[in-house]
Amino acid sequence: MGKIKIEDLETINATKAKVHFGELLHQTSVEGKTFLISRQDKPISVILGYKKYVELISSGEKKS
């Protein structure tokens, strides 16, 4: 999998993320999407599925 590039993330504002949280969970866990959450046009968080998270952690451990 490798690195996640910021420009590849779908940006969603925090209010919309709160309203559609269940849908975001589905999209990250089932569809493999990754989201950048913003507040006042500033990035504050990233939501990604567990599989992607494990892949990222594993690839970081291999480099060390």
Protein backbone atom coordinates (compact mmCIF):
# COMPACT_ATOMS: atom_id res chain seq x y z
CA MET A 1 0.00 0.00 0.00
CA GLY A 2 2.69 2.48 0.94
CA LYS A 3 2.15 6.08 1.81
CA ILE A 4 -1.11 7.97 1.78
CA LYS A 5 -0.81 11.25 -0.11
CA ILE A 6 -2.74 14.23 1.23
CA GLU A 7 -3.85 15.21 -2.27
CA ASP A 8 -5.48 11.78 -2.71
CA LEU A 9 -7.74 12.16 0.34
CA GLU A 10 -11.34 13.21 -0.03
CA THR A 11 -11.89 16.31 2.12
CA ILE A 12 -15.06 16.67 4.16
CA ASN A 13 -15.86 19.35 6.74
CA ALA A 14 -16.32 18.35 10.37
CA THR A 15 -20.04 19.16 10.50
CA LYS A 16 -20.80 17.01 7.46
CA ALA A 17 -18.60 14.22 8.88
CA LYS A 18 -20.58 14.31 12.13
CA VAL A 19 -23.91 14.09 10.31
CA HIS A 20 -22.76 11.29 7.99
CA PHE A 21 -20.46 9.41 10.37
CA GLY A 22 -22.08 6.01 9.81
CA GLU A 23 -21.72 6.40 6.06
CA LEU A 24 -18.06 7.41 6.49
CA LEU A 25 -17.44 4.28 8.58
CA HIS A 26 -18.92 2.15 5.83
CA GLN A 27 -16.91 3.86 3.11
CA THR A 28 -13.65 3.49 5.01
CA SER A 29 -14.14 -0.09 6.19
CA VAL A 30 -15.88 -1.60 3.16
CA GLU A 31 -14.85 0.59 0.23
CA GLY A 32 -11.34 1.45 1.46
CA LYS A 33 -11.77 5.22 1.19
CA THR A 34 -9.78 7.66 3.32
CA PHE A 35 -11.06 11.09 4.36
CA LEU A 36 -9.40 14.30 5.48
CA ILE A 37 -11.63 16.11 7.98
CA SER A 38 -11.42 19.89 8.02
CA ARG A 39 -12.73 22.67 10.22
CA GLN A 40 -12.76 26.24 8.92
CA ASP A 41 -10.83 25.02 5.85
CA LYS A 42 -7.97 23.67 7.99
CA PRO A 43 -7.17 19.94 8.20
CA ILE A 44 -7.80 18.51 11.67
CA SER A 45 -8.05 14.74 11.29
CA VAL A 46 -7.98 11.72 8.98
CA ILE A 47 -10.43 8.83 8.95
CA LEU A 48 -9.26 5.55 7.48
CA GLY A 49 -10.27 1.93 7.75
CA TYR A 50 -8.61 -0.53 10.09
CA LYS A 51 -7.01 -2.54 7.25
CA LYS A 52 -5.35 0.60 5.86
CA TYR A 53 -4.19 1.57 9.32
CA VAL A 54 -2.60 -1.82 9.92
CA GLU A 55 -0.90 -1.68 6.50
CA LEU A 56 0.51 1.77 7.28
CA ILE A 57 1.81 0.67 10.66
CA SER A 58 3.30 -2.51 9.22
CA SER A 59 5.06 -0.68 6.40
CA GLY A 60 6.53 1.77 8.92
CA GLU A 61 7.85 -1.04 11.10
CA LYS A 62 9.59 -2.70 8.13
CA LYS A 63 11.53 0.50 7.38
CA SER A 64 12.88 0.81 10.94
